[in-house]
Amino acid sequence: MDFGPIRIDHIGIAAHHLEESSTFWRLLGLTEGNQDETVEDQGVTTRFFTTSGLNEIDDSPAKVELLEPTGDDTPIGRFLHKRGPGIQQLCFSVGNLTGLLSYLKENGVRLIDETPRAGAGGHLIAFVHPASTGGVLVELSQRNS
């Protein structure tokens, strides 16, 4: 089965405040995106930082995504309350999200999203439950062409 190309797209980091959490990534020399984006249905405001290294598939760099909740009763708000700031998810960019979700489900993988939904940057996204990944929340993302 070919659902690729598949590569690490970004690492999502839960943060209480985007501005306070951005200092280190700026000092490290990562390039800050042009603007923050609020994804209402996920209750989050995102800020991306781009690394300088390009991947071999499509010449796009991996990113760090800071995630600030828009309220306490949101997925990121609950994550911060339970675990505090830190890595919240690992995102893989895939070429065929719908096909990959079907394949994973057929093979007993527990999915949070069985069908893709809109995510930051206009990408289609779906989440795989940590119970099926060894405890890591995995986001799968497909760019809209």
C-alpha atoms as a PDB file:
ATOM      1  CA  MET A   1       0.000   0.000   0.000  1.00  0.00           C
ATOM      2  CA  ASP A   2       1.282   3.442  -0.902  1.00  0.00           C
ATOM      3  CA  PHE A   3      -0.085   6.389   1.058  1.00  0.00           C
ATOM      4  CA  GLY A   4       2.954   8.596   0.594  1.00  0.00           C
ATOM      5  CA  PRO A   5       4.953  10.456   0.476  1.00  0.00           C
ATOM      6  CA  ILE A   6       4.999  10.247   4.277  1.00  0.00           C
ATOM      7  CA  ARG A   7       7.275  12.525   6.303  1.00  0.00           C
ATOM      8  CA  ILE A   8       7.387  14.306   9.639  1.00  0.00           C
ATOM      9  CA  ASP A   9       5.515  17.558   9.120  1.00  0.00           C
ATOM     10  CA  HIS A  10       5.625  19.109  12.585  1.00  0.00           C
ATOM     11  CA  ILE A  11       5.734  18.582  16.315  1.00  0.00           C
ATOM     12  CA  GLY A  12       2.868  20.215  18.206  1.00  0.00           C
ATOM     13  CA  ILE A  13       3.682  21.773  21.572  1.00  0.00           C
ATOM     14  CA  ALA A  14       0.947  22.833  23.996  1.00  0.00           C
ATOM     15  CA  ALA A  15       1.612  26.268  25.477  1.00  0.00           C
ATOM     16  CA  HIS A  16      -0.225  28.532  27.903  1.00  0.00           C
ATOM     17  CA  HIS A  17       0.799  31.650  25.955  1.00  0.00           C
ATOM     18  CA  LEU A  18       2.167  31.780  22.413  1.00  0.00           C
ATOM     19  CA  GLU A  19       4.296  34.860  22.971  1.00  0.00           C
ATOM     20  CA  GLU A  20       6.057  33.566  26.103  1.00  0.00           C
ATOM     21  CA  SER A  21       6.605  30.172  24.499  1.00  0.00           C
ATOM     22  CA  SER A  22       8.031  31.662  21.301  1.00  0.00           C
ATOM     23  CA  THR A  23      11.179  33.128  22.877  1.00  0.00           C
ATOM     24  CA  PHE A  24      13.246  29.929  22.816  1.00  0.00           C
ATOM     25  CA  TRP A  25      12.320  29.044  19.218  1.00  0.00           C
ATOM     26  CA  ARG A  26      13.305  32.543  18.066  1.00  0.00           C
ATOM     27  CA  LEU A  27      16.610  32.351  19.951  1.00  0.00           C
ATOM     28  CA  LEU A  28      17.252  28.947  18.380  1.00  0.00           C
ATOM     29  CA  GLY A  29      16.989  30.619  14.984  1.00  0.00           C
ATOM     30  CA  LEU A  30      13.791  29.064  13.696  1.00  0.00           C
ATOM     31  CA  THR A  31      11.784  31.194  11.279  1.00  0.00           C
ATOM     32  CA  GLU A  32       8.439  32.363  12.632  1.00  0.00           C
ATOM     33  CA  GLY A  33       5.414  32.118  10.353  1.00  0.00           C
ATOM     34  CA  ASN A  34       3.739  35.269   9.068  1.00  0.00           C
ATOM     35  CA  GLN A  35       0.647  35.052  11.271  1.00  0.00           C
ATOM     36  CA  ASP A  36      -1.040  33.012  13.951  1.00  0.00           C
ATOM     37  CA  GLU A  37      -4.165  31.061  13.048  1.00  0.00           C
ATOM     38  CA  THR A  38      -7.174  30.289  15.221  1.00  0.00           C
ATOM     39  CA  VAL A  39      -8.917  27.017  14.416  1.00  0.00           C
ATOM     40  CA  GLU A  40     -12.304  27.536  16.054  1.00  0.00           C
ATOM     41  CA  ASP A  41     -13.588  23.943  15.980  1.00  0.00           C
ATOM     42  CA  GLN A  42     -10.408  22.761  17.711  1.00  0.00           C
ATOM     43  CA  GLY A  43     -10.360  25.640  20.219  1.00  0.00           C
ATOM     44  CA  VAL A  44      -6.750  26.532  19.484  1.00  0.00           C
ATOM     45  CA  THR A  45      -4.545  29.307  18.165  1.00  0.00           C
ATOM     46  CA  THR A  46      -1.450  28.072  16.369  1.00  0.00           C
ATOM     47  CA  ARG A  47       1.938  29.603  15.619  1.00  0.00           C
ATOM     48  CA  PHE A  48       4.415  27.789  13.384  1.00  0.00           C
ATOM     49  CA  PHE A  49       8.200  27.963  13.390  1.00  0.00           C
ATOM     50  CA  THR A  50      10.120  26.495  10.467  1.00  0.00           C
ATOM     51  CA  THR A  51      13.414  24.670  10.687  1.00  0.00           C
ATOM     52  CA  SER A  52      16.127  25.373   8.133  1.00  0.00           C
ATOM     53  CA  GLY A  53      16.655  21.800   6.949  1.00  0.00           C
ATOM     54  CA  LEU A  54      14.698  20.645   3.905  1.00  0.00           C
ATOM     55  CA  ASN A  55      13.380  17.120   3.507  1.00  0.00           C
ATOM     56  CA  GLU A  56      14.185  15.043   0.467  1.00  0.00           C
ATOM     57  CA  ILE A  57      10.573  14.554  -0.628  1.00  0.00           C
ATOM     58  CA  ASP A  58       9.249  18.016  -1.374  1.00  0.00           C
ATOM     59  CA  ASP A  59      11.878  20.472  -0.167  1.00  0.00           C
ATOM     60  CA  SER A  60       9.701  21.650   2.712  1.00  0.00           C
ATOM     61  CA  PRO A  61      11.180  21.923   6.205  1.00  0.00           C
ATOM     62  CA  ALA A  62       9.813  20.311   9.339  1.00  0.00           C
ATOM     63  CA  LYS A  63       8.098  22.710  11.744  1.00  0.00           C
ATOM     64  CA  VAL A  64       7.386  23.324  15.390  1.00  0.00           C
ATOM     65  CA  GLU A  65       3.753  24.250  16.063  1.00  0.00           C
ATOM     66  CA  LEU A  66       2.903  26.080  19.273  1.00  0.00           C
ATOM     67  CA  LEU A  67      -0.677  25.497  20.408  1.00  0.00           C
ATOM     68  CA  GLU A  68      -2.448  27.960  22.707  1.00  0.00           C
ATOM     69  CA  PRO A  69      -5.977  27.044  23.839  1.00  0.00           C
ATOM     70  CA  THR A  70      -8.818  29.482  23.230  1.00  0.00           C
ATOM     71  CA  GLY A  71     -10.406  28.256  26.475  1.00  0.00           C
ATOM     72  CA  ASP A  72      -9.996  25.809  29.337  1.00  0.00           C
ATOM     73  CA  ASP A  73     -12.578  23.335  27.984  1.00  0.00           C
ATOM     74  CA  THR A  74     -10.761  22.659  24.696  1.00  0.00           C
ATOM     75  CA  PRO A  75      -8.478  19.746  23.814  1.00  0.00           C
ATOM     76  CA  ILE A  76      -5.335  21.837  24.382  1.00  0.00           C
ATOM     77  CA  GLY A  77      -6.817  23.498  27.475  1.00  0.00           C
ATOM     78  CA  ARG A  78      -7.528  20.067  28.994  1.00  0.00           C
ATOM     79  CA  PHE A  79      -4.084  18.795  27.950  1.00  0.00           C
ATOM     80  CA  LEU A  80      -2.393  21.719  29.707  1.00  0.00           C
ATOM     81  CA  HIS A  81      -4.510  21.248  32.836  1.00  0.00           C
ATOM     82  CA  LYS A  82      -3.683  17.536  32.994  1.00  0.00           C
ATOM     83  CA  ARG A  83      -0.049  17.451  31.801  1.00  0.00           C
ATOM     84  CA  GLY A  84       1.242  21.006  31.591  1.00  0.00           C
ATOM     85  CA  PRO A  85       3.140  22.516  28.654  1.00  0.00           C
ATOM     86  CA  GLY A  86       5.003  20.189  26.344  1.00  0.00           C
ATOM     87  CA  ILE A  87       4.811  17.990  23.276  1.00  0.00           C
ATOM     88  CA  GLN A  88       1.170  17.284  22.521  1.00  0.00           C
ATOM     89  CA  GLN A  89       1.368  15.522  19.169  1.00  0.00           C
ATOM     90  CA  LEU A  90       3.563  14.357  16.313  1.00  0.00           C
ATOM     91  CA  CYS A  91       2.268  15.131  12.825  1.00  0.00           C
ATOM     92  CA  PHE A  92       3.032  13.223   9.655  1.00  0.00           C
ATOM     93  CA  SER A  93       2.266  14.624   6.228  1.00  0.00           C
ATOM     94  CA  VAL A  94       0.791  11.950   3.956  1.00  0.00           C
ATOM     95  CA  GLY A  95      -0.160  11.811   0.306  1.00  0.00           C
ATOM     96  CA  ASN A  96      -3.469   9.920   0.657  1.00  0.00           C
ATOM     97  CA  LEU A  97      -5.114  10.597   4.006  1.00  0.00           C
ATOM     98  CA  THR A  98      -8.482   8.981   3.269  1.00  0.00           C
ATOM     99  CA  GLY A  99      -6.841   5.798   1.999  1.00  0.00           C
ATOM    100  CA  LEU A 100      -4.464   5.620   4.940  1.00  0.00           C
ATOM    101  CA  LEU A 101      -7.301   6.084   7.468  1.00  0.00           C
ATOM    102  CA  SER A 102      -9.260   3.231   5.865  1.00  0.00           C
ATOM    103  CA  TYR A 103      -6.180   1.004   5.879  1.00  0.00           C
ATOM    104  CA  LEU A 104      -5.391   1.764   9.525  1.00  0.00           C
ATOM    105  CA  LYS A 105      -9.004   1.124  10.588  1.00  0.00           C
ATOM    106  CA  GLU A 106      -9.099  -2.184   8.660  1.00  0.00           C
ATOM    107  CA  ASN A 107      -6.005  -3.204  10.616  1.00  0.00           C
ATOM    108  CA  GLY A 108      -7.476  -2.486  14.038  1.00  0.00           C
ATOM    109  CA  VAL A 109      -5.887   0.912  14.670  1.00  0.00           C
ATOM    110  CA  ARG A 110      -8.022   3.097  16.934  1.00  0.00           C
ATOM    111  CA  LEU A 111      -8.774   6.407  15.246  1.00  0.00           C
ATOM    112  CA  ILE A 112     -10.035   9.614  16.799  1.00  0.00           C
ATOM    113  CA  ASP A 113     -11.072  10.819  13.335  1.00  0.00           C
ATOM    114  CA  GLU A 114     -12.273   8.225  10.835  1.00  0.00           C
ATOM    115  CA  THR A 115     -12.698  10.886   8.165  1.00  0.00           C
ATOM    116  CA  PRO A 116     -10.482  13.900   7.486  1.00  0.00           C
ATOM    117  CA  ARG A 117     -11.451  17.343   8.772  1.00  0.00           C
ATOM    118  CA  ALA A 118     -10.167  20.874   8.257  1.00  0.00           C
ATOM    119  CA  GLY A 119      -7.021  21.826  10.159  1.00  0.00           C
ATOM    120  CA  ALA A 120      -4.576  24.723  10.327  1.00  0.00           C
ATOM    121  CA  GLY A 121      -3.286  26.043   7.027  1.00  0.00           C
ATOM    122  CA  GLY A 122      -6.243  24.586   5.154  1.00  0.00           C
ATOM    123  CA  HIS A 123      -4.808  21.067   5.435  1.00  0.00           C
ATOM    124  CA  LEU A 124      -6.975  18.003   5.904  1.00  0.00           C
ATOM    125  CA  ILE A 125      -6.175  16.302   9.204  1.00  0.00           C
ATOM    126  CA  ALA A 126      -7.097  13.280  11.303  1.00  0.00           C
ATOM    127  CA  PHE A 127      -5.845  12.002  14.639  1.00  0.00           C
ATOM    128  CA  VAL A 128      -4.844   8.484  15.655  1.00  0.00           C
ATOM    129  CA  HIS A 129      -5.592   7.528  19.265  1.00  0.00           C
ATOM    130  CA  PRO A 130      -2.505   7.184  21.511  1.00  0.00           C
ATOM    131  CA  ALA A 131      -3.727   3.724  22.574  1.00  0.00           C
ATOM    132  CA  SER A 132      -2.699   2.450  19.136  1.00  0.00           C
ATOM    133  CA  THR A 133       0.630   4.279  18.851  1.00  0.00           C
ATOM    134  CA  GLY A 134       2.442   3.487  22.070  1.00  0.00           C
ATOM    135  CA  GLY A 135       1.126   6.544  23.886  1.00  0.00           C
ATOM    136  CA  VAL A 136       1.772   9.241  21.264  1.00  0.00           C
ATOM    137  CA  LEU A 137      -1.044  11.331  19.797  1.00  0.00           C
ATOM    138  CA  VAL A 138      -0.377  11.153  16.049  1.00  0.00           C
ATOM    139  CA  GLU A 139      -1.817  13.697  13.655  1.00  0.00           C
ATOM    140  CA  LEU A 140      -1.982  12.816   9.959  1.00  0.00           C
ATOM    141  CA  SER A 141      -2.127  15.729   7.553  1.00  0.00           C
ATOM    142  CA  GLN A 142      -2.684  16.087   3.813  1.00  0.00           C
ATOM    143  CA  ARG A 143      -2.131  19.320   1.962  1.00  0.00           C
ATOM    144  CA  ASN A 144      -4.999  20.497  -0.179  1.00  0.00           C
ATOM    145  CA  SER A 145      -3.677  20.797  -3.706  1.00  0.00           C
END
